[in-house]
Amino acid sequence: MIQYLTRHYDDLLRALAEHLQILAVTLVFSLLIAAVLTILAVYFRRFGEALIQIFSVIYSIPSLALFALLIPLTGLGMTTTVIVLTAYNQYLLLGNFTAGIFGVDSGVTEAARGIGMSTFQILVKVQIPLAKKALFTGIELSVVSTIGIATIAAMINAGGLGTLLFDGLRTMNFNKIILGSILSAVLALGVNAVLKCLEKRLES
């Protein structure tokens, strides 16, 4: 395995870079959309609950099935992958974001409203700071989910670490299988550790 690593490190680095690109693009779109939907859910609570139900149904659909549904519209590769992963992330993000915000003590929000704060001001200055734990939990879950499902996206030519795994399975190259699995696990653990550190810094 070490011999394969020294000879093909460039292939491993390229696959890792592609995986990180998928993760970064997906996370940006996921957070932007989830932020907008969370604001709407604060103003229209039933609408937010309906959205969570819809995204829970989407989340229950196997990723390969969603990829297959979108390929005729958006083709193979990055675009289809990002759309599917972003849709999956909305269930994790929106669910945790709204649970955290609505879980803030009603007495605190009423006190803020009593001193003249608007709904948006209460959201930004009171509820979000008090719901940081739930917000970070949603982000951490979405990151781990994205890293895992992005591996499957290699089947639709999206690249990433899944390329190593599927090539290894097809050719029975155990070096690719083992290294692809290790890199995927290390990436998930590493990114999650960074988020944990960031969360602790924000709490301090």
N, C-alpha and C. Protein backbone atom coordinates (compact mmCIF):
# COMPACT_ATOMS: atom_id res chain seq x y z
N MET A 1 0.82 -1.20 0.00
CA MET A 1 0.00 0.00 0.00
C MET A 1 0.86 1.26 0.00
N ILE A 2 1.97 1.22 0.77
CA ILE A 2 2.86 2.38 0.81
C ILE A 2 3.47 2.63 -0.57
N GLN A 3 3.80 1.53 -1.26
CA GLN A 3 4.37 1.67 -2.60
C GLN A 3 3.36 2.32 -3.54
N TYR A 4 2.10 1.91 -3.45
CA TYR A 4 1.05 2.52 -4.28
C TYR A 4 0.89 3.99 -3.92
N LEU A 5 0.98 4.30 -2.64
CA LEU A 5 0.82 5.68 -2.18
C LEU A 5 1.91 6.58 -2.74
N THR A 6 3.13 6.10 -2.75
CA THR A 6 4.24 6.92 -3.25
C THR A 6 4.18 7.09 -4.76
N ARG A 7 3.64 6.10 -5.45
CA ARG A 7 3.57 6.18 -6.91
C ARG A 7 2.36 6.96 -7.42
N HIS A 8 1.29 6.93 -6.66
CA HIS A 8 0.03 7.52 -7.14
C HIS A 8 -0.52 8.59 -6.20
N TYR A 9 0.36 9.24 -5.45
CA TYR A 9 -0.10 10.27 -4.51
C TYR A 9 -0.83 11.41 -5.21
N ASP A 10 -0.42 11.67 -6.49
CA ASP A 10 -1.07 12.75 -7.24
C ASP A 10 -2.54 12.42 -7.52
N ASP A 11 -2.83 11.16 -7.81
CA ASP A 11 -4.22 10.74 -8.02
C ASP A 11 -5.03 10.87 -6.74
N LEU A 12 -4.42 10.52 -5.62
CA LEU A 12 -5.10 10.63 -4.33
C LEU A 12 -5.39 12.08 -3.98
N LEU A 13 -4.40 12.94 -4.21
CA LEU A 13 -4.59 14.36 -3.92
C LEU A 13 -5.65 14.98 -4.82
N ARG A 14 -5.69 14.55 -6.08
CA ARG A 14 -6.70 15.08 -7.00
C ARG A 14 -8.10 14.66 -6.56
N ALA A 15 -8.24 13.40 -6.19
CA ALA A 15 -9.55 12.91 -5.72
C ALA A 15 -9.97 13.64 -4.45
N LEU A 16 -9.02 13.87 -3.54
CA LEU A 16 -9.32 14.59 -2.30
C LEU A 16 -9.73 16.03 -2.60
N ALA A 17 -9.03 16.67 -3.53
CA ALA A 17 -9.36 18.06 -3.90
C ALA A 17 -10.75 18.13 -4.51
N GLU A 18 -11.10 17.16 -5.35
CA GLU A 18 -12.43 17.13 -5.96
C GLU A 18 -13.50 16.95 -4.89
N HIS A 19 -13.21 16.12 -3.91
CA HIS A 19 -14.17 15.87 -2.83
C HIS A 19 -14.37 17.14 -2.00
N LEU A 20 -13.28 17.83 -1.72
CA LEU A 20 -13.37 19.08 -0.96
C LEU A 20 -14.13 20.14 -1.74
N GLN A 21 -13.97 20.14 -3.05
CA GLN A 21 -14.70 21.10 -3.88
C GLN A 21 -16.20 20.83 -3.81
N ILE A 22 -16.57 19.57 -3.93
CA ILE A 22 -17.99 19.21 -3.81
C ILE A 22 -18.54 19.63 -2.45
N LEU A 23 -17.76 19.36 -1.39
CA LEU A 23 -18.18 19.71 -0.03
C LEU A 23 -18.36 21.22 0.12
N ALA A 24 -17.39 21.99 -0.37
CA ALA A 24 -17.42 23.44 -0.20
C ALA A 24 -18.60 24.06 -0.95
N VAL A 25 -18.77 23.69 -2.21
CA VAL A 25 -19.85 24.25 -3.02
C VAL A 25 -21.21 23.88 -2.44
N THR A 26 -21.34 22.62 -2.06
CA THR A 26 -22.62 22.15 -1.48
C THR A 26 -22.93 22.87 -0.18
N LEU A 27 -21.92 23.04 0.66
CA LEU A 27 -22.14 23.67 1.96
C LEU A 27 -22.54 25.14 1.81
N VAL A 28 -21.92 25.83 0.87
CA VAL A 28 -22.27 27.24 0.65
C VAL A 28 -23.72 27.37 0.22
N PHE A 29 -24.12 26.61 -0.79
CA PHE A 29 -25.51 26.67 -1.26
C PHE A 29 -26.48 26.20 -0.18
N SER A 30 -26.10 25.15 0.54
CA SER A 30 -26.98 24.60 1.58
C SER A 30 -27.24 25.62 2.68
N LEU A 31 -26.19 26.29 3.13
CA LEU A 31 -26.34 27.26 4.21
C LEU A 31 -27.12 28.50 3.76
N LEU A 32 -26.88 28.95 2.55
CA LEU A 32 -27.62 30.11 2.04
C LEU A 32 -29.11 29.82 1.96
N ILE A 33 -29.44 28.67 1.38
CA ILE A 33 -30.86 28.30 1.23
C ILE A 33 -31.49 28.06 2.60
N ALA A 34 -30.77 27.35 3.48
CA ALA A 34 -31.30 27.06 4.81
C ALA A 34 -31.53 28.34 5.62
N ALA A 35 -30.65 29.33 5.44
CA ALA A 35 -30.81 30.60 6.15
C ALA A 35 -32.10 31.30 5.72
N VAL A 36 -32.33 31.32 4.41
CA VAL A 36 -33.56 31.96 3.90
C VAL A 36 -34.80 31.21 4.38
N LEU A 37 -34.76 29.89 4.28
CA LEU A 37 -35.91 29.09 4.70
C LEU A 37 -36.16 29.18 6.20
N THR A 38 -35.09 29.31 6.98
CA THR A 38 -35.25 29.45 8.43
C THR A 38 -35.93 30.77 8.78
N ILE A 39 -35.55 31.83 8.08
CA ILE A 39 -36.20 33.14 8.31
C ILE A 39 -37.68 33.05 7.96
N LEU A 40 -37.99 32.40 6.85
CA LEU A 40 -39.40 32.22 6.47
C LEU A 40 -40.14 31.39 7.51
N ALA A 41 -39.46 30.38 8.05
CA ALA A 41 -40.09 29.51 9.05
C ALA A 41 -40.38 30.28 10.34
N VAL A 42 -39.53 31.26 10.66
CA VAL A 42 -39.75 32.07 11.85
C VAL A 42 -41.00 32.92 11.69
N TYR A 43 -41.17 33.48 10.50
CA TYR A 43 -42.34 34.33 10.24
C TYR A 43 -43.60 33.51 9.99
N PHE A 44 -43.43 32.36 9.34
CA PHE A 44 -44.58 31.51 8.99
C PHE A 44 -44.29 30.09 9.49
N ARG A 45 -44.65 29.84 10.73
CA ARG A 45 -44.26 28.60 11.41
C ARG A 45 -44.83 27.36 10.72
N ARG A 46 -46.08 27.41 10.31
CA ARG A 46 -46.69 26.24 9.65
C ARG A 46 -46.00 25.95 8.32
N PHE A 47 -45.61 27.01 7.64
CA PHE A 47 -44.87 26.84 6.38
C PHE A 47 -43.55 26.13 6.65
N GLY A 48 -42.87 26.52 7.72
CA GLY A 48 -41.61 25.88 8.08
C GLY A 48 -41.80 24.41 8.41
N GLU A 49 -42.85 24.10 9.15
CA GLU A 49 -43.13 22.70 9.49
C GLU A 49 -43.42 21.88 8.24
N ALA A 50 -44.13 22.49 7.29
CA ALA A 50 -44.43 21.79 6.04
C ALA A 50 -43.15 21.53 5.25
N LEU A 51 -42.25 22.52 5.25
CA LEU A 51 -40.97 22.35 4.55
C LEU A 51 -40.16 21.20 5.13
N ILE A 52 -40.12 21.12 6.45
CA ILE A 52 -39.37 20.04 7.09
C ILE A 52 -39.95 18.68 6.71
N GLN A 53 -41.27 18.59 6.64
CA GLN A 53 -41.90 17.34 6.23
C GLN A 53 -41.53 16.97 4.79
N ILE A 54 -41.52 17.98 3.92
CA ILE A 54 -41.17 17.74 2.52
C ILE A 54 -39.73 17.27 2.40
N PHE A 55 -38.83 17.96 3.10
CA PHE A 55 -37.41 17.59 3.01
C PHE A 55 -37.14 16.25 3.70
N SER A 56 -37.95 15.88 4.67
CA SER A 56 -37.78 14.57 5.29
C SER A 56 -38.11 13.45 4.30
N VAL A 57 -39.11 13.71 3.46
CA VAL A 57 -39.46 12.74 2.41
C VAL A 57 -38.32 12.64 1.39
N ILE A 58 -37.78 13.80 0.99
CA ILE A 58 -36.65 13.81 0.04
C ILE A 58 -35.45 13.08 0.63
N TYR A 59 -35.20 13.32 1.93
CA TYR A 59 -34.04 12.70 2.59
C TYR A 59 -34.16 11.18 2.64
N SER A 60 -35.39 10.69 2.63
CA SER A 60 -35.60 9.24 2.70
C SER A 60 -35.40 8.55 1.35
N ILE A 61 -35.30 9.33 0.27
CA ILE A 61 -35.10 8.76 -1.06
C ILE A 61 -33.63 8.41 -1.24
N PRO A 62 -33.29 7.21 -1.69
CA PRO A 62 -31.88 6.86 -1.92
C PRO A 62 -31.22 7.83 -2.88
N SER A 63 -29.97 8.15 -2.60
CA SER A 63 -29.26 9.14 -3.40
C SER A 63 -29.16 8.74 -4.87
N LEU A 64 -28.93 7.46 -5.14
CA LEU A 64 -28.83 7.03 -6.54
C LEU A 64 -30.13 7.27 -7.29
N ALA A 65 -31.25 7.11 -6.60
CA ALA A 65 -32.55 7.36 -7.25
C ALA A 65 -32.71 8.84 -7.59
N LEU A 66 -32.29 9.72 -6.67
CA LEU A 66 -32.37 11.15 -6.96
C LEU A 66 -31.41 11.55 -8.08
N PHE A 67 -30.22 10.97 -8.06
CA PHE A 67 -29.28 11.23 -9.15
C PHE A 67 -29.90 10.84 -10.49
N ALA A 68 -30.52 9.67 -10.52
CA ALA A 68 -31.12 9.17 -11.75
C ALA A 68 -32.25 10.07 -12.24
N LEU A 69 -33.03 10.62 -11.30
CA LEU A 69 -34.13 11.51 -11.67
C LEU A 69 -33.64 12.82 -12.27
N LEU A 70 -32.50 13.30 -11.76
CA LEU A 70 -32.00 14.61 -12.20
C LEU A 70 -31.11 14.55 -13.43
N ILE A 71 -30.48 13.41 -13.67
CA ILE A 71 -29.53 13.31 -14.79
C ILE A 71 -30.13 13.75 -16.13
N PRO A 72 -31.39 13.39 -16.46
CA PRO A 72 -31.95 13.87 -17.73
C PRO A 72 -32.08 15.39 -17.81
N LEU A 73 -32.17 16.06 -16.65
CA LEU A 73 -32.34 17.51 -16.61
C LEU A 73 -31.01 18.25 -16.47
N THR A 74 -30.15 17.76 -15.60
CA THR A 74 -28.92 18.49 -15.30
C THR A 74 -27.65 17.75 -15.70
N GLY A 75 -27.79 16.54 -16.21
CA GLY A 75 -26.63 15.82 -16.72
C GLY A 75 -25.79 15.18 -15.64
N LEU A 76 -24.71 14.53 -16.08
CA LEU A 76 -23.78 13.90 -15.15
C LEU A 76 -22.84 14.94 -14.55
N GLY A 77 -22.30 14.63 -13.38
CA GLY A 77 -21.26 15.47 -12.82
C GLY A 77 -21.65 16.32 -11.64
N MET A 78 -20.93 17.44 -11.50
CA MET A 78 -21.01 18.29 -10.32
C MET A 78 -22.38 18.90 -10.08
N THR A 79 -23.03 19.40 -11.13
CA THR A 79 -24.30 20.11 -10.96
C THR A 79 -25.35 19.22 -10.30
N THR A 80 -25.54 18.04 -10.84
CA THR A 80 -26.51 17.11 -10.28
C THR A 80 -26.15 16.74 -8.85
N THR A 81 -24.88 16.51 -8.60
CA THR A 81 -24.42 16.15 -7.26
C THR A 81 -24.74 17.24 -6.25
N VAL A 82 -24.41 18.47 -6.59
CA VAL A 82 -24.64 19.59 -5.66
C VAL A 82 -26.13 19.78 -5.38
N ILE A 83 -26.96 19.65 -6.41
CA ILE A 83 -28.41 19.81 -6.22
C ILE A 83 -28.94 18.77 -5.24
N VAL A 84 -28.56 17.51 -5.45
CA VAL A 84 -29.04 16.43 -4.58
C VAL A 84 -28.53 16.60 -3.15
N LEU A 85 -27.25 16.88 -3.01
CA LEU A 85 -26.68 17.03 -1.67
C LEU A 85 -27.27 18.24 -0.94
N THR A 86 -27.51 19.31 -1.67
CA THR A 86 -28.11 20.50 -1.06
C THR A 86 -29.53 20.20 -0.59
N ALA A 87 -30.27 19.45 -1.39
CA ALA A 87 -31.64 19.07 -0.99
C ALA A 87 -31.62 18.20 0.26
N TYR A 88 -30.69 17.25 0.33
CA TYR A 88 -30.57 16.41 1.52
C TYR A 88 -30.23 17.26 2.75
N ASN A 89 -29.33 18.21 2.57
CA ASN A 89 -28.87 19.02 3.70
C ASN A 89 -29.97 19.90 4.29
N GLN A 90 -30.96 20.25 3.48
CA GLN A 90 -32.02 21.12 4.00
C GLN A 90 -32.78 20.47 5.14
N TYR A 91 -32.95 19.17 5.07
CA TYR A 91 -33.64 18.47 6.16
C TYR A 91 -32.83 18.57 7.45
N LEU A 92 -31.52 18.37 7.35
CA LEU A 92 -30.65 18.42 8.53
C LEU A 92 -30.49 19.84 9.05
N LEU A 93 -30.28 20.78 8.15
CA LEU A 93 -30.04 22.16 8.56
C LEU A 93 -31.32 22.84 9.05
N LEU A 94 -32.35 22.79 8.23
CA LEU A 94 -33.60 23.47 8.59
C LEU A 94 -34.20 22.88 9.87
N GLY A 95 -34.14 21.56 9.99
CA GLY A 95 -34.67 20.92 11.18
C GLY A 95 -33.96 21.37 12.44
N ASN A 96 -32.63 21.39 12.41
CA ASN A 96 -31.86 21.80 13.59
C ASN A 96 -31.94 23.30 13.83
N PHE A 97 -31.92 24.08 12.75
CA PHE A 97 -31.99 25.54 12.90
C PHE A 97 -33.31 25.95 13.57
N THR A 98 -34.41 25.44 13.05
CA THR A 98 -35.71 25.82 13.60
C THR A 98 -35.91 25.26 15.01
N ALA A 99 -35.44 24.04 15.25
CA ALA A 99 -35.56 23.46 16.60
C ALA A 99 -34.80 24.30 17.61
N GLY A 100 -33.61 24.74 17.23
CA GLY A 100 -32.82 25.56 18.13
C GLY A 100 -33.44 26.92 18.39
N ILE A 101 -33.93 27.55 17.33
CA ILE A 101 -34.51 28.89 17.46
C ILE A 101 -35.82 28.85 18.24
N PHE A 102 -36.69 27.89 17.91
CA PHE A 102 -37.96 27.80 18.62
C PHE A 102 -37.79 27.24 20.04
N GLY A 103 -36.62 26.66 20.29
CA GLY A 103 -36.36 26.12 21.62
C GLY A 103 -35.88 27.16 22.63
N VAL A 104 -35.62 28.38 22.13
CA VAL A 104 -35.21 29.46 23.04
C VAL A 104 -36.37 29.79 23.97
N ASP A 105 -36.07 30.02 25.23
CA ASP A 105 -37.08 30.32 26.24
C ASP A 105 -38.00 31.45 25.77
N SER A 106 -39.28 31.17 25.77
CA SER A 106 -40.25 32.16 25.30
C SER A 106 -40.22 33.43 26.15
N GLY A 107 -39.84 33.29 27.42
CA GLY A 107 -39.74 34.47 28.29
C GLY A 107 -38.69 35.45 27.80
N VAL A 108 -37.61 34.90 27.25
CA VAL A 108 -36.54 35.76 26.73
C VAL A 108 -37.01 36.51 25.49
N THR A 109 -37.69 35.80 24.59
CA THR A 109 -38.17 36.45 23.36
C THR A 109 -39.26 37.47 23.68
N GLU A 110 -40.09 37.16 24.65
CA GLU A 110 -41.14 38.12 25.03
C GLU A 110 -40.54 39.37 25.65
N ALA A 111 -39.48 39.19 26.43
CA ALA A 111 -38.80 40.34 27.02
C ALA A 111 -38.18 41.21 25.94
N ALA A 112 -37.59 40.56 24.92
CA ALA A 112 -37.01 41.31 23.81
C ALA A 112 -38.09 42.06 23.03
N ARG A 113 -39.21 41.39 22.84
CA ARG A 113 -40.32 42.04 22.14
C ARG A 113 -40.86 43.21 22.98
N GLY A 114 -40.82 43.06 24.29
CA GLY A 114 -41.32 44.10 25.17
C GLY A 114 -40.51 45.38 25.14
N ILE A 115 -39.22 45.26 24.80
CA ILE A 115 -38.39 46.48 24.72
C ILE A 115 -38.36 47.05 23.30
N GLY A 116 -39.24 46.51 22.43
CA GLY A 116 -39.42 47.10 21.11
C GLY A 116 -38.68 46.44 19.98
N MET A 117 -38.09 45.27 20.18
CA MET A 117 -37.39 44.58 19.10
C MET A 117 -38.39 44.01 18.10
N SER A 118 -38.03 44.05 16.82
CA SER A 118 -38.85 43.43 15.79
C SER A 118 -38.57 41.93 15.76
N THR A 119 -39.37 41.21 14.99
CA THR A 119 -39.18 39.76 14.88
C THR A 119 -37.79 39.43 14.34
N PHE A 120 -37.35 40.19 13.34
CA PHE A 120 -36.03 39.94 12.75
C PHE A 120 -34.92 40.27 13.74
N GLN A 121 -35.07 41.35 14.49
CA GLN A 121 -34.06 41.70 15.49
C GLN A 121 -33.97 40.64 16.58
N ILE A 122 -35.12 40.13 17.00
CA ILE A 122 -35.13 39.06 18.00
C ILE A 122 -34.41 37.83 17.47
N LEU A 123 -34.65 37.51 16.20
CA LEU A 123 -34.01 36.35 15.58
C LEU A 123 -32.50 36.50 15.57
N VAL A 124 -32.03 37.66 15.12
CA VAL A 124 -30.59 37.87 14.93
C VAL A 124 -29.86 38.11 16.25
N LYS A 125 -30.46 38.90 17.14
CA LYS A 125 -29.76 39.33 18.35
C LYS A 125 -30.03 38.45 19.57
N VAL A 126 -31.11 37.68 19.53
CA VAL A 126 -31.46 36.87 20.70
C VAL A 126 -31.47 35.38 20.38
N GLN A 127 -32.31 34.97 19.44
CA GLN A 127 -32.53 33.55 19.21
C GLN A 127 -31.31 32.84 18.61
N ILE A 128 -30.72 33.42 17.58
CA ILE A 128 -29.56 32.77 16.97
C ILE A 128 -28.39 32.61 17.95
N PRO A 129 -28.01 33.67 18.68
CA PRO A 129 -26.91 33.48 19.65
C PRO A 129 -27.21 32.41 20.70
N LEU A 130 -28.46 32.32 21.14
CA LEU A 130 -28.82 31.33 22.16
C LEU A 130 -28.99 29.92 21.58
N ALA A 131 -29.11 29.84 20.26
CA ALA A 131 -29.33 28.53 19.62
C ALA A 131 -28.08 28.04 18.89
N LYS A 132 -26.92 28.58 19.24
CA LYS A 132 -25.68 28.23 18.52
C LYS A 132 -25.40 26.73 18.53
N LYS A 133 -25.68 26.08 19.65
CA LYS A 133 -25.41 24.64 19.75
C LYS A 133 -26.19 23.86 18.70
N ALA A 134 -27.47 24.16 18.57
CA ALA A 134 -28.30 23.46 17.59
C ALA A 134 -27.88 23.81 16.16
N LEU A 135 -27.48 25.05 15.95
CA LEU A 135 -27.04 25.47 14.61
C LEU A 135 -25.79 24.71 14.19
N PHE A 136 -24.84 24.61 15.10
CA PHE A 136 -23.60 23.89 14.77
C PHE A 136 -23.85 22.40 14.61
N THR A 137 -24.78 21.86 15.40
CA THR A 137 -25.11 20.44 15.24
C THR A 137 -25.65 20.17 13.84
N GLY A 138 -26.51 21.04 13.34
CA GLY A 138 -27.04 20.90 11.99
C GLY A 138 -25.94 20.98 10.95
N ILE A 139 -25.02 21.91 11.13
CA ILE A 139 -23.92 22.06 10.16
C ILE A 139 -23.01 20.84 10.19
N GLU A 140 -22.69 20.36 11.39
CA GLU A 140 -21.82 19.18 11.51
C GLU A 140 -22.46 17.95 10.86
N LEU A 141 -23.75 17.76 11.09
CA LEU A 141 -24.44 16.62 10.48
C LEU A 141 -24.46 16.74 8.96
N SER A 142 -24.69 17.93 8.45
CA SER A 142 -24.75 18.12 7.01
C SER A 142 -23.38 17.91 6.37
N VAL A 143 -22.32 18.31 7.06
CA VAL A 143 -20.97 18.11 6.53
C VAL A 143 -20.64 16.62 6.42
N VAL A 144 -20.90 15.88 7.50
CA VAL A 144 -20.62 14.44 7.48
C VAL A 144 -21.47 13.74 6.44
N SER A 145 -22.74 14.13 6.35
CA SER A 145 -23.63 13.54 5.35
C SER A 145 -23.14 13.83 3.93
N THR A 146 -22.72 15.07 3.70
CA THR A 146 -22.25 15.45 2.38
C THR A 146 -21.01 14.66 1.99
N ILE A 147 -20.08 14.53 2.91
CA ILE A 147 -18.85 13.78 2.61
C ILE A 147 -19.18 12.34 2.25
N GLY A 148 -20.10 11.74 2.98
CA GLY A 148 -20.46 10.34 2.72
C GLY A 148 -21.19 10.16 1.40
N ILE A 149 -22.22 10.97 1.16
CA ILE A 149 -23.01 10.80 -0.06
C ILE A 149 -22.23 11.24 -1.29
N ALA A 150 -21.32 12.21 -1.13
CA ALA A 150 -20.50 12.64 -2.27
C ALA A 150 -19.64 11.50 -2.80
N THR A 151 -19.34 10.54 -1.92
CA THR A 151 -18.58 9.37 -2.37
C THR A 151 -19.36 8.59 -3.42
N ILE A 152 -20.66 8.47 -3.21
CA ILE A 152 -21.52 7.75 -4.15
C ILE A 152 -21.63 8.51 -5.47
N ALA A 153 -21.48 9.84 -5.42
CA ALA A 153 -21.61 10.67 -6.62
C ALA A 153 -20.55 10.37 -7.66
N ALA A 154 -19.50 9.65 -7.28
CA ALA A 154 -18.50 9.25 -8.27
C ALA A 154 -19.12 8.38 -9.35
N MET A 155 -20.23 7.74 -9.05
CA MET A 155 -20.91 6.89 -10.04
C MET A 155 -21.52 7.70 -11.17
N ILE A 156 -21.71 9.01 -10.95
CA ILE A 156 -22.24 9.86 -12.03
C ILE A 156 -21.19 10.86 -12.49
N ASN A 157 -19.92 10.45 -12.38
CA ASN A 157 -18.79 11.23 -12.89
C ASN A 157 -18.60 12.57 -12.19
N ALA A 158 -18.90 12.60 -10.89
CA ALA A 158 -18.68 13.84 -10.13
C ALA A 158 -17.27 13.91 -9.57
N GLY A 159 -16.51 12.82 -9.68
CA GLY A 159 -15.16 12.79 -9.13
C GLY A 159 -15.17 12.57 -7.64
N GLY A 160 -14.06 12.90 -7.00
CA GLY A 160 -13.97 12.75 -5.56
C GLY A 160 -13.39 11.42 -5.14
N LEU A 161 -13.41 11.18 -3.85
CA LEU A 161 -12.81 9.97 -3.29
C LEU A 161 -13.56 8.71 -3.68
N GLY A 162 -14.82 8.85 -4.04
CA GLY A 162 -15.57 7.69 -4.50
C GLY A 162 -14.98 7.07 -5.75
N THR A 163 -14.27 7.87 -6.54
CA THR A 163 -13.62 7.34 -7.74
C THR A 163 -12.62 6.26 -7.38
N LEU A 164 -11.86 6.50 -6.31
CA LEU A 164 -10.90 5.49 -5.86
C LEU A 164 -11.60 4.21 -5.43
N LEU A 165 -12.68 4.36 -4.68
CA LEU A 165 -13.39 3.18 -4.17
C LEU A 165 -14.00 2.35 -5.29
N PHE A 166 -14.69 3.01 -6.21
CA PHE A 166 -15.36 2.27 -7.29
C PHE A 166 -14.36 1.70 -8.29
N ASP A 167 -13.29 2.44 -8.56
CA ASP A 167 -12.24 1.90 -9.43
C ASP A 167 -11.59 0.69 -8.76
N GLY A 168 -11.39 0.80 -7.44
CA GLY A 168 -10.79 -0.32 -6.71
C GLY A 168 -11.67 -1.54 -6.71
N LEU A 169 -12.98 -1.34 -6.56
CA LEU A 169 -13.92 -2.48 -6.58
C LEU A 169 -13.99 -3.11 -7.96
N ARG A 170 -13.96 -2.25 -8.99
CA ARG A 170 -14.07 -2.77 -10.35
C ARG A 170 -12.84 -3.58 -10.75
N THR A 171 -11.67 -3.12 -10.32
CA THR A 171 -10.42 -3.79 -10.71
C THR A 171 -9.85 -4.68 -9.60
N MET A 172 -10.59 -4.77 -8.47
CA MET A 172 -10.13 -5.53 -7.31
C MET A 172 -8.77 -5.04 -6.83
N ASN A 173 -8.60 -3.72 -6.86
CA ASN A 173 -7.38 -3.10 -6.37
C ASN A 173 -7.61 -2.67 -4.91
N PHE A 174 -7.14 -3.48 -3.99
CA PHE A 174 -7.41 -3.24 -2.58
C PHE A 174 -6.70 -2.00 -2.04
N ASN A 175 -5.61 -1.61 -2.69
CA ASN A 175 -4.93 -0.38 -2.28
C ASN A 175 -5.85 0.83 -2.45
N LYS A 176 -6.53 0.89 -3.58
CA LYS A 176 -7.46 2.00 -3.84
C LYS A 176 -8.63 1.98 -2.86
N ILE A 177 -9.14 0.78 -2.62
CA ILE A 177 -10.29 0.65 -1.70
C ILE A 177 -9.90 1.11 -0.30
N ILE A 178 -8.77 0.65 0.19
CA ILE A 178 -8.35 0.97 1.56
C ILE A 178 -8.02 2.46 1.68
N LEU A 179 -7.23 2.97 0.73
CA LEU A 179 -6.83 4.38 0.80
C LEU A 179 -8.03 5.31 0.62
N GLY A 180 -8.94 4.94 -0.28
CA GLY A 180 -10.15 5.75 -0.47
C GLY A 180 -11.00 5.78 0.79
N SER A 181 -11.12 4.65 1.45
CA SER A 181 -11.90 4.57 2.69
C SER A 181 -11.24 5.38 3.80
N ILE A 182 -9.91 5.25 3.91
CA ILE A 182 -9.19 5.98 4.95
C ILE A 182 -9.30 7.49 4.74
N LEU A 183 -9.11 7.93 3.51
CA LEU A 183 -9.18 9.36 3.22
C LEU A 183 -10.58 9.92 3.49
N SER A 184 -11.61 9.14 3.15
CA SER A 184 -12.99 9.59 3.41
C SER A 184 -13.24 9.74 4.90
N ALA A 185 -12.78 8.76 5.68
CA ALA A 185 -12.97 8.82 7.13
C ALA A 185 -12.17 9.96 7.75
N VAL A 186 -10.92 10.13 7.31
CA VAL A 186 -10.07 11.20 7.85
C VAL A 186 -10.66 12.56 7.50
N LEU A 187 -11.17 12.70 6.29
CA LEU A 187 -11.78 13.97 5.88
C LEU A 187 -12.98 14.31 6.76
N ALA A 188 -13.86 13.34 6.97
CA ALA A 188 -15.04 13.56 7.79
C ALA A 188 -14.65 13.92 9.23
N LEU A 189 -13.71 13.18 9.79
CA LEU A 189 -13.28 13.44 11.17
C LEU A 189 -12.55 14.78 11.27
N GLY A 190 -11.73 15.08 10.27
CA GLY A 190 -10.97 16.32 10.29
C GLY A 190 -11.85 17.56 10.21
N VAL A 191 -12.78 17.55 9.26
CA VAL A 191 -13.68 18.70 9.10
C VAL A 191 -14.57 18.85 10.34
N ASN A 192 -15.02 17.72 10.86
CA ASN A 192 -15.86 17.78 12.07
C ASN A 192 -15.08 18.33 13.26
N ALA A 193 -13.81 17.98 13.36
CA ALA A 193 -12.97 18.49 14.44
C ALA A 193 -12.78 20.00 14.31
N VAL A 194 -12.60 20.48 13.08
CA VAL A 194 -12.46 21.92 12.85
C VAL A 194 -13.72 22.66 13.27
N LEU A 195 -14.88 22.10 12.93
CA LEU A 195 -16.14 22.72 13.32
C LEU A 195 -16.32 22.73 14.83
N LYS A 196 -15.90 21.66 15.50
CA LYS A 196 -15.99 21.60 16.96
C LYS A 196 -15.13 22.70 17.60
N CYS A 197 -13.92 22.88 17.06
CA CYS A 197 -13.03 23.92 17.58
C CYS A 197 -13.63 25.30 17.37
N LEU A 198 -14.22 25.50 16.19
CA LEU A 198 -14.84 26.79 15.89
C LEU A 198 -16.02 27.06 16.83
N GLU A 199 -16.80 26.00 17.08
CA GLU A 199 -17.93 26.13 18.00
C GLU A 199 -17.47 26.52 19.40
N LYS A 200 -16.40 25.89 19.88
CA LYS A 200 -15.89 26.20 21.22
C LYS A 200 -15.39 27.64 21.30
N ARG A 201 -14.74 28.09 20.23
CA ARG A 201 -14.23 29.47 20.22
C ARG A 201 -15.37 30.49 20.26
N LEU A 202 -16.43 30.18 19.53
CA LEU A 202 -17.57 31.10 19.51
C LEU A 202 -18.30 31.11 20.84
N GLU A 203 -18.25 29.99 21.55
CA GLU A 203 -18.93 29.92 22.84
C GLU A 203 -18.14 30.60 23.95
N SER A 204 -16.81 30.68 23.76
CA SER A 204 -15.96 31.26 24.80
C SER A 204 -16.01 32.79 24.80
